[in-house]
Amino acid sequence: MDFLRFFSGKPSSKEVAKDRLKLILIHDRASISPELLDMMKSDILAVISKYVEIDNGTIDVRLTKEEEIEGGSPALIASIPIRKMKER
């Protein structure tokens, strides 16, 4: 059915549910609570903010599964838009 998805441009509800279940399993395997993930995000942003000005409105920090790593280990993915470098 992936052939039909090519024309619609939208993932099927089956694929969306599958992706959501994968994320839930990854969070469970990593044993990272949402609170801990928020604390990690705050710490990362504090360090990065020392060196660059960041766009706080579009930050995305999440835990995901990195397929290339043997065993499918969880990976922390951070998308932090940088406005400009700070003067030193």
PDB file of N, CA and C in Angstrom:
ATOM      1  N   MET A   1       0.804  -1.204   0.000  1.00  0.00           N
ATOM      2  CA  MET A   1       0.000   0.000   0.000  1.00  0.00           C
ATOM      3  C   MET A   1       0.846   1.266   0.000  1.00  0.00           C
ATOM      4  N   ASP A   2       2.162   1.130   0.137  1.00  0.00           N
ATOM      5  CA  ASP A   2       3.031   2.295   0.081  1.00  0.00           C
ATOM      6  C   ASP A   2       2.951   2.983  -1.270  1.00  0.00           C
ATOM      7  N   PHE A   3       2.613   2.228  -2.302  1.00  0.00           N
ATOM      8  CA  PHE A   3       2.466   2.790  -3.639  1.00  0.00           C
ATOM      9  C   PHE A   3       1.347   3.828  -3.665  1.00  0.00           C
ATOM     10  N   LEU A   4       0.236   3.548  -2.974  1.00  0.00           N
ATOM     11  CA  LEU A   4      -0.881   4.493  -2.921  1.00  0.00           C
ATOM     12  C   LEU A   4      -0.509   5.726  -2.111  1.00  0.00           C
ATOM     13  N   ARG A   5       0.311   5.549  -1.076  1.00  0.00           N
ATOM     14  CA  ARG A   5       0.739   6.675  -0.253  1.00  0.00           C
ATOM     15  C   ARG A   5       1.563   7.668  -1.065  1.00  0.00           C
ATOM     16  N   PHE A   6       2.245   7.175  -2.084  1.00  0.00           N
ATOM     17  CA  PHE A   6       3.044   8.033  -2.955  1.00  0.00           C
ATOM     18  C   PHE A   6       2.180   9.109  -3.595  1.00  0.00           C
ATOM     19  N   PHE A   7       0.975   8.761  -3.985  1.00  0.00           N
ATOM     20  CA  PHE A   7       0.088   9.709  -4.653  1.00  0.00           C
ATOM     21  C   PHE A   7      -0.638  10.627  -3.671  1.00  0.00           C
ATOM     22  N   SER A   8      -0.969  10.141  -2.499  1.00  0.00           N
ATOM     23  CA  SER A   8      -1.718  10.965  -1.550  1.00  0.00           C
ATOM     24  C   SER A   8      -0.818  11.942  -0.808  1.00  0.00           C
ATOM     25  N   GLY A   9       0.450  11.577  -0.606  1.00  0.00           N
ATOM     26  CA  GLY A   9       1.378  12.450   0.108  1.00  0.00           C
ATOM     27  C   GLY A   9       1.222  12.396   1.614  1.00  0.00           C
ATOM     28  N   LYS A  10       0.189  11.730   2.113  1.00  0.00           N
ATOM     29  CA  LYS A  10      -0.045  11.620   3.546  1.00  0.00           C
ATOM     30  C   LYS A  10       0.219  10.184   3.983  1.00  0.00           C
ATOM     31  N   PRO A  11       0.853  10.018   5.152  1.00  0.00           N
ATOM     32  CA  PRO A  11       1.036   8.660   5.653  1.00  0.00           C
ATOM     33  C   PRO A  11      -0.312   8.084   6.092  1.00  0.00           C
ATOM     34  N   SER A  12      -0.453   6.785   5.964  1.00  0.00           N
ATOM     35  CA  SER A  12      -1.696   6.137   6.376  1.00  0.00           C
ATOM     36  C   SER A  12      -1.801   6.173   7.896  1.00  0.00           C
ATOM     37  N   SER A  13      -3.000   6.001   8.397  1.00  0.00           N
ATOM     38  CA  SER A  13      -3.192   6.002   9.850  1.00  0.00           C
ATOM     39  C   SER A  13      -2.433   4.830  10.471  1.00  0.00           C
ATOM     40  N   LYS A  14      -2.285   3.747   9.716  1.00  0.00           N
ATOM     41  CA  LYS A  14      -1.502   2.601  10.193  1.00  0.00           C
ATOM     42  C   LYS A  14      -0.044   3.012  10.419  1.00  0.00           C
ATOM     43  N   GLU A  15       0.527   3.740   9.481  1.00  0.00           N
ATOM     44  CA  GLU A  15       1.920   4.184   9.605  1.00  0.00           C
ATOM     45  C   GLU A  15       2.091   5.166  10.755  1.00  0.00           C
ATOM     46  N   VAL A  16       1.143   6.080  10.926  1.00  0.00           N
ATOM     47  CA  VAL A  16       1.204   7.053  12.021  1.00  0.00           C
ATOM     48  C   VAL A  16       1.158   6.330  13.366  1.00  0.00           C
ATOM     49  N   ALA A  17       0.234   5.368  13.486  1.00  0.00           N
ATOM     50  CA  ALA A  17       0.119   4.602  14.734  1.00  0.00           C
ATOM     51  C   ALA A  17       1.394   3.800  14.999  1.00  0.00           C
ATOM     52  N   LYS A  18       1.958   3.227  13.962  1.00  0.00           N
ATOM     53  CA  LYS A  18       3.197   2.460  14.087  1.00  0.00           C
ATOM     54  C   LYS A  18       4.339   3.354  14.579  1.00  0.00           C
ATOM     55  N   ASP A  19       4.451   4.553  14.012  1.00  0.00           N
ATOM     56  CA  ASP A  19       5.494   5.495  14.420  1.00  0.00           C
ATOM     57  C   ASP A  19       5.312   5.930  15.873  1.00  0.00           C
ATOM     58  N   ARG A  20       4.080   6.184  16.278  1.00  0.00           N
ATOM     59  CA  ARG A  20       3.804   6.589  17.658  1.00  0.00           C
ATOM     60  C   ARG A  20       4.168   5.473  18.634  1.00  0.00           C
ATOM     61  N   LEU A  21       3.831   4.249  18.278  1.00  0.00           N
ATOM     62  CA  LEU A  21       4.155   3.111  19.136  1.00  0.00           C
ATOM     63  C   LEU A  21       5.666   2.947  19.267  1.00  0.00           C
ATOM     64  N   LYS A  22       6.391   3.153  18.179  1.00  0.00           N
ATOM     65  CA  LYS A  22       7.851   3.079  18.230  1.00  0.00           C
ATOM     66  C   LYS A  22       8.411   4.103  19.209  1.00  0.00           C
ATOM     67  N   LEU A  23       7.899   5.333  19.159  1.00  0.00           N
ATOM     68  CA  LEU A  23       8.377   6.378  20.074  1.00  0.00           C
ATOM     69  C   LEU A  23       8.096   6.021  21.528  1.00  0.00           C
ATOM     70  N   ILE A  24       6.930   5.458  21.794  1.00  0.00           N
ATOM     71  CA  ILE A  24       6.579   5.053  23.156  1.00  0.00           C
ATOM     72  C   ILE A  24       7.533   3.962  23.640  1.00  0.00           C
ATOM     73  N   LEU A  25       7.804   2.990  22.787  1.00  0.00           N
ATOM     74  CA  LEU A  25       8.716   1.901  23.153  1.00  0.00           C
ATOM     75  C   LEU A  25      10.130   2.409  23.387  1.00  0.00           C
ATOM     76  N   ILE A  26      10.561   3.353  22.565  1.00  0.00           N
ATOM     77  CA  ILE A  26      11.904   3.914  22.711  1.00  0.00           C
ATOM     78  C   ILE A  26      12.025   4.634  24.049  1.00  0.00           C
ATOM     79  N   HIS A  27      11.013   5.435  24.400  1.00  0.00           N
ATOM     80  CA  HIS A  27      11.039   6.140  25.683  1.00  0.00           C
ATOM     81  C   HIS A  27      11.079   5.144  26.837  1.00  0.00           C
ATOM     82  N   ASP A  28      10.307   4.057  26.717  1.00  0.00           N
ATOM     83  CA  ASP A  28      10.302   3.052  27.770  1.00  0.00           C
ATOM     84  C   ASP A  28      11.658   2.372  27.889  1.00  0.00           C
ATOM     85  N   ARG A  29      12.271   2.031  26.769  1.00  0.00           N
ATOM     86  CA  ARG A  29      13.573   1.352  26.785  1.00  0.00           C
ATOM     87  C   ARG A  29      14.660   2.257  27.336  1.00  0.00           C
ATOM     88  N   ALA A  30      14.577   3.529  27.030  1.00  0.00           N
ATOM     89  CA  ALA A  30      15.601   4.468  27.484  1.00  0.00           C
ATOM     90  C   ALA A  30      15.391   4.857  28.943  1.00  0.00           C
ATOM     91  N   SER A  31      14.227   4.561  29.487  1.00  0.00           N
ATOM     92  CA  SER A  31      13.889   4.899  30.871  1.00  0.00           C
ATOM     93  C   SER A  31      14.069   6.386  31.151  1.00  0.00           C
ATOM     94  N   ILE A  32      13.695   7.211  30.206  1.00  0.00           N
ATOM     95  CA  ILE A  32      13.780   8.655  30.385  1.00  0.00           C
ATOM     96  C   ILE A  32      12.372   9.218  30.500  1.00  0.00           C
ATOM     97  N   SER A  33      12.098   9.820  31.625  1.00  0.00           N
ATOM     98  CA  SER A  33      10.775  10.408  31.836  1.00  0.00           C
ATOM     99  C   SER A  33      10.692  11.734  31.081  1.00  0.00           C
ATOM    100  N   PRO A  34       9.479  12.202  30.798  1.00  0.00           N
ATOM    101  CA  PRO A  34       9.328  13.511  30.148  1.00  0.00           C
ATOM    102  C   PRO A  34       9.963  14.636  30.966  1.00  0.00           C
ATOM    103  N   GLU A  35       9.921  14.519  32.294  1.00  0.00           N
ATOM    104  CA  GLU A  35      10.526  15.534  33.155  1.00  0.00           C
ATOM    105  C   GLU A  35      12.040  15.566  32.977  1.00  0.00           C
ATOM    106  N   LEU A  36      12.656  14.384  32.907  1.00  0.00           N
ATOM    107  CA  LEU A  36      14.098  14.310  32.715  1.00  0.00           C
ATOM    108  C   LEU A  36      14.488  14.852  31.344  1.00  0.00           C
ATOM    109  N   LEU A  37      13.692  14.541  30.329  1.00  0.00           N
ATOM    110  CA  LEU A  37      13.951  15.061  28.990  1.00  0.00           C
ATOM    111  C   LEU A  37      13.866  16.589  28.985  1.00  0.00           C
ATOM    112  N   ASP A  38      12.893  17.160  29.704  1.00  0.00           N
ATOM    113  CA  ASP A  38      12.780  18.626  29.808  1.00  0.00           C
ATOM    114  C   ASP A  38      13.990  19.228  30.523  1.00  0.00           C
ATOM    115  N   MET A  39      14.469  18.564  31.566  1.00  0.00           N
ATOM    116  CA  MET A  39      15.652  19.053  32.281  1.00  0.00           C
ATOM    117  C   MET A  39      16.883  19.012  31.374  1.00  0.00           C
ATOM    118  N   MET A  40      17.027  17.941  30.600  1.00  0.00           N
ATOM    119  CA  MET A  40      18.141  17.831  29.663  1.00  0.00           C
ATOM    120  C   MET A  40      18.067  18.942  28.621  1.00  0.00           C
ATOM    121  N   LYS A  41      16.855  19.198  28.128  1.00  0.00           N
ATOM    122  CA  LYS A  41      16.652  20.257  27.133  1.00  0.00           C
ATOM    123  C   LYS A  41      17.068  21.605  27.710  1.00  0.00           C
ATOM    124  N   SER A  42      16.660  21.896  28.938  1.00  0.00           N
ATOM    125  CA  SER A  42      17.009  23.171  29.574  1.00  0.00           C
ATOM    126  C   SER A  42      18.518  23.321  29.732  1.00  0.00           C
ATOM    127  N   ASP A  43      19.175  22.250  30.158  1.00  0.00           N
ATOM    128  CA  ASP A  43      20.633  22.290  30.322  1.00  0.00           C
ATOM    129  C   ASP A  43      21.339  22.507  28.992  1.00  0.00           C
ATOM    130  N   ILE A  44      20.902  21.803  27.967  1.00  0.00           N
ATOM    131  CA  ILE A  44      21.506  21.951  26.628  1.00  0.00           C
ATOM    132  C   ILE A  44      21.344  23.383  26.136  1.00  0.00           C
ATOM    133  N   LEU A  45      20.143  23.931  26.281  1.00  0.00           N
ATOM    134  CA  LEU A  45      19.884  25.301  25.825  1.00  0.00           C
ATOM    135  C   LEU A  45      20.705  26.316  26.613  1.00  0.00           C
ATOM    136  N   ALA A  46      20.888  26.079  27.903  1.00  0.00           N
ATOM    137  CA  ALA A  46      21.687  27.004  28.726  1.00  0.00           C
ATOM    138  C   ALA A  46      23.131  27.045  28.246  1.00  0.00           C
ATOM    139  N   VAL A  47      23.691  25.903  27.930  1.00  0.00           N
ATOM    140  CA  VAL A  47      25.085  25.850  27.457  1.00  0.00           C
ATOM    141  C   VAL A  47      25.210  26.498  26.087  1.00  0.00           C
ATOM    142  N   ILE A  48      24.326  26.154  25.173  1.00  0.00           N
ATOM    143  CA  ILE A  48      24.394  26.699  23.811  1.00  0.00           C
ATOM    144  C   ILE A  48      24.183  28.212  23.821  1.00  0.00           C
ATOM    145  N   SER A  49      23.308  28.676  24.705  1.00  0.00           N
ATOM    146  CA  SER A  49      23.014  30.110  24.790  1.00  0.00           C
ATOM    147  C   SER A  49      24.212  30.948  25.221  1.00  0.00           C
ATOM    148  N   LYS A  50      25.214  30.342  25.829  1.00  0.00           N
ATOM    149  CA  LYS A  50      26.429  31.071  26.199  1.00  0.00           C
ATOM    150  C   LYS A  50      27.187  31.538  24.962  1.00  0.00           C
ATOM    151  N   TYR A  51      27.041  30.813  23.866  1.00  0.00           N
ATOM    152  CA  TYR A  51      27.851  31.058  22.674  1.00  0.00           C
ATOM    153  C   TYR A  51      27.075  31.627  21.487  1.00  0.00           C
ATOM    154  N   VAL A  52      25.779  31.335  21.424  1.00  0.00           N
ATOM    155  CA  VAL A  52      24.972  31.794  20.289  1.00  0.00           C
ATOM    156  C   VAL A  52      23.609  32.274  20.766  1.00  0.00           C
ATOM    157  N   GLU A  53      22.991  33.123  19.952  1.00  0.00           N
ATOM    158  CA  GLU A  53      21.618  33.546  20.212  1.00  0.00           C
ATOM    159  C   GLU A  53      20.712  32.566  19.473  1.00  0.00           C
ATOM    160  N   ILE A  54      19.796  31.925  20.213  1.00  0.00           N
ATOM    161  CA  ILE A  54      18.942  30.916  19.603  1.00  0.00           C
ATOM    162  C   ILE A  54      17.512  31.417  19.452  1.00  0.00           C
ATOM    163  N   ASP A  55      16.789  30.797  18.520  1.00  0.00           N
ATOM    164  CA  ASP A  55      15.375  31.104  18.291  1.00  0.00           C
ATOM    165  C   ASP A  55      14.556  30.160  19.168  1.00  0.00           C
ATOM    166  N   ASN A  56      14.042  30.660  20.288  1.00  0.00           N
ATOM    167  CA  ASN A  56      13.321  29.818  21.246  1.00  0.00           C
ATOM    168  C   ASN A  56      11.991  29.294  20.740  1.00  0.00           C
ATOM    169  N   GLY A  57      11.439  29.906  19.707  1.00  0.00           N
ATOM    170  CA  GLY A  57      10.121  29.513  19.231  1.00  0.00           C
ATOM    171  C   GLY A  57      10.078  28.219  18.449  1.00  0.00           C
ATOM    172  N   THR A  58      11.191  27.794  17.884  1.00  0.00           N
ATOM    173  CA  THR A  58      11.158  26.617  17.018  1.00  0.00           C
ATOM    174  C   THR A  58      12.145  25.528  17.445  1.00  0.00           C
ATOM    175  N   ILE A  59      12.398  25.410  18.722  1.00  0.00           N
ATOM    176  CA  ILE A  59      13.316  24.396  19.240  1.00  0.00           C
ATOM    177  C   ILE A  59      12.594  23.049  19.310  1.00  0.00           C
ATOM    178  N   ASP A  60      13.300  21.999  18.888  1.00  0.00           N
ATOM    179  CA  ASP A  60      12.742  20.652  18.953  1.00  0.00           C
ATOM    180  C   ASP A  60      13.810  19.716  19.515  1.00  0.00           C
ATOM    181  N   VAL A  61      13.574  19.192  20.702  1.00  0.00           N
ATOM    182  CA  VAL A  61      14.481  18.226  21.319  1.00  0.00           C
ATOM    183  C   VAL A  61      13.646  16.999  21.644  1.00  0.00           C
ATOM    184  N   ARG A  62      14.081  15.843  21.115  1.00  0.00           N
ATOM    185  CA  ARG A  62      13.303  14.627  21.333  1.00  0.00           C
ATOM    186  C   ARG A  62      14.214  13.408  21.337  1.00  0.00           C
ATOM    187  N   LEU A  63      13.671  12.326  21.837  1.00  0.00           N
ATOM    188  CA  LEU A  63      14.372  11.059  21.880  1.00  0.00           C
ATOM    189  C   LEU A  63      13.830  10.195  20.759  1.00  0.00           C
ATOM    190  N   THR A  64      14.704   9.599  19.994  1.00  0.00           N
ATOM    191  CA  THR A  64      14.256   8.781  18.878  1.00  0.00           C
ATOM    192  C   THR A  64      15.164   7.571  18.748  1.00  0.00           C
ATOM    193  N   LYS A  65      14.865   6.732  17.795  1.00  0.00           N
ATOM    194  CA  LYS A  65      15.663   5.528  17.559  1.00  0.00           C
ATOM    195  C   LYS A  65      16.558   5.757  16.354  1.00  0.00           C
ATOM    196  N   GLU A  66      17.838   5.523  16.533  1.00  0.00           N
ATOM    197  CA  GLU A  66      18.802   5.691  15.454  1.00  0.00           C
ATOM    198  C   GLU A  66      19.010   4.323  14.816  1.00  0.00           C
ATOM    199  N   GLU A  67      18.488   4.145  13.605  1.00  0.00           N
ATOM    200  CA  GLU A  67      18.511   2.848  12.933  1.00  0.00           C
ATOM    201  C   GLU A  67      19.928   2.374  12.589  1.00  0.00           C
ATOM    202  N   GLU A  68      20.845   3.318  12.340  1.00  0.00           N
ATOM    203  CA  GLU A  68      22.180   2.934  11.912  1.00  0.00           C
ATOM    204  C   GLU A  68      23.015   2.347  13.050  1.00  0.00           C
ATOM    205  N   ILE A  69      22.652   2.653  14.284  1.00  0.00           N
ATOM    206  CA  ILE A  69      23.416   2.175  15.435  1.00  0.00           C
ATOM    207  C   ILE A  69      23.023   0.732  15.720  1.00  0.00           C
ATOM    208  N   GLU A  70      24.032  -0.102  15.939  1.00  0.00           N
ATOM    209  CA  GLU A  70      23.769  -1.511  16.220  1.00  0.00           C
ATOM    210  C   GLU A  70      22.889  -1.650  17.452  1.00  0.00           C
ATOM    211  N   GLY A  71      21.851  -2.430  17.326  1.00  0.00           N
ATOM    212  CA  GLY A  71      20.943  -2.646  18.439  1.00  0.00           C
ATOM    213  C   GLY A  71      19.833  -1.616  18.522  1.00  0.00           C
ATOM    214  N   GLY A  72      19.807  -0.646  17.631  1.00  0.00           N
ATOM    215  CA  GLY A  72      18.735   0.354  17.636  1.00  0.00           C
ATOM    216  C   GLY A  72      18.712   1.183  18.899  1.00  0.00           C
ATOM    217  N   SER A  73      19.849   1.662  19.341  1.00  0.00           N
ATOM    218  CA  SER A  73      19.936   2.464  20.562  1.00  0.00           C
ATOM    219  C   SER A  73      19.165   3.771  20.415  1.00  0.00           C
ATOM    220  N   PRO A  74      18.610   4.266  21.512  1.00  0.00           N
ATOM    221  CA  PRO A  74      17.944   5.571  21.462  1.00  0.00           C
ATOM    222  C   PRO A  74      18.952   6.672  21.161  1.00  0.00           C
ATOM    223  N   ALA A  75      18.482   7.732  20.523  1.00  0.00           N
ATOM    224  CA  ALA A  75      19.330   8.881  20.218  1.00  0.00           C
ATOM    225  C   ALA A  75      18.580  10.153  20.584  1.00  0.00           C
ATOM    226  N   LEU A  76      19.301  11.118  21.108  1.00  0.00           N
ATOM    227  CA  LEU A  76      18.727  12.422  21.414  1.00  0.00           C
ATOM    228  C   LEU A  76      18.927  13.301  20.194  1.00  0.00           C
ATOM    229  N   ILE A  77      17.831  13.789  19.644  1.00  0.00           N
ATOM    230  CA  ILE A  77      17.866  14.633  18.450  1.00  0.00           C
ATOM    231  C   ILE A  77      17.467  16.043  18.869  1.00  0.00           C
ATOM    232  N   ALA A  78      18.303  17.022  18.530  1.00  0.00           N
ATOM    233  CA  ALA A  78      18.019  18.411  18.885  1.00  0.00           C
ATOM    234  C   ALA A  78      18.107  19.285  17.647  1.00  0.00           C
ATOM    235  N   SER A  79      17.038  20.005  17.385  1.00  0.00           N
ATOM    236  CA  SER A  79      17.015  20.992  16.313  1.00  0.00           C
ATOM    237  C   SER A  79      16.853  22.355  16.989  1.00  0.00           C
ATOM    238  N   ILE A  80      17.951  23.111  17.001  1.00  0.00           N
ATOM    239  CA  ILE A  80      17.980  24.391  17.706  1.00  0.00           C
ATOM    240  C   ILE A  80      18.428  25.471  16.725  1.00  0.00           C
ATOM    241  N   PRO A  81      17.477  26.232  16.186  1.00  0.00           N
ATOM    242  CA  PRO A  81      17.846  27.279  15.224  1.00  0.00           C
ATOM    243  C   PRO A  81      18.693  28.373  15.870  1.00  0.00           C
ATOM    244  N   ILE A  82      19.766  28.739  15.196  1.00  0.00           N
ATOM    245  CA  ILE A  82      20.687  29.768  15.682  1.00  0.00           C
ATOM    246  C   ILE A  82      20.428  31.061  14.926  1.00  0.00           C
ATOM    247  N   ARG A  83      20.163  32.137  15.672  1.00  0.00           N
ATOM    248  CA  ARG A  83      19.961  33.450  15.050  1.00  0.00           C
ATOM    249  C   ARG A  83      21.285  34.079  14.657  1.00  0.00           C
ATOM    250  N   LYS A  84      22.228  34.107  15.625  1.00  0.00           N
ATOM    251  CA  LYS A  84      23.543  34.681  15.339  1.00  0.00           C
ATOM    252  C   LYS A  84      24.521  34.268  16.424  1.00  0.00           C
ATOM    253  N   MET A  85      25.797  34.394  16.088  1.00  0.00           N
ATOM    254  CA  MET A  85      26.859  34.104  17.044  1.00  0.00           C
ATOM    255  C   MET A  85      26.988  35.286  18.000  1.00  0.00           C
ATOM    256  N   LYS A  86      27.312  35.014  19.237  1.00  0.00           N
ATOM    257  CA  LYS A  86      27.540  36.081  20.207  1.00  0.00           C
ATOM    258  C   LYS A  86      28.961  36.574  20.101  1.00  0.00           C
ATOM    259  N   GLU A  87      29.140  37.861  20.374  1.00  0.00           N
ATOM    260  CA  GLU A  87      30.486  38.455  20.367  1.00  0.00           C
ATOM    261  C   GLU A  87      31.261  37.938  21.566  1.00  0.00           C
ATOM    262  N   ARG A  88      32.513  37.649  21.394  1.00  0.00           N
ATOM    263  CA  ARG A  88      33.351  37.163  22.503  1.00  0.00           C
ATOM    264  C   ARG A  88      34.325  38.217  22.876  1.00  0.00           C
TER     265      ARG A  88
END
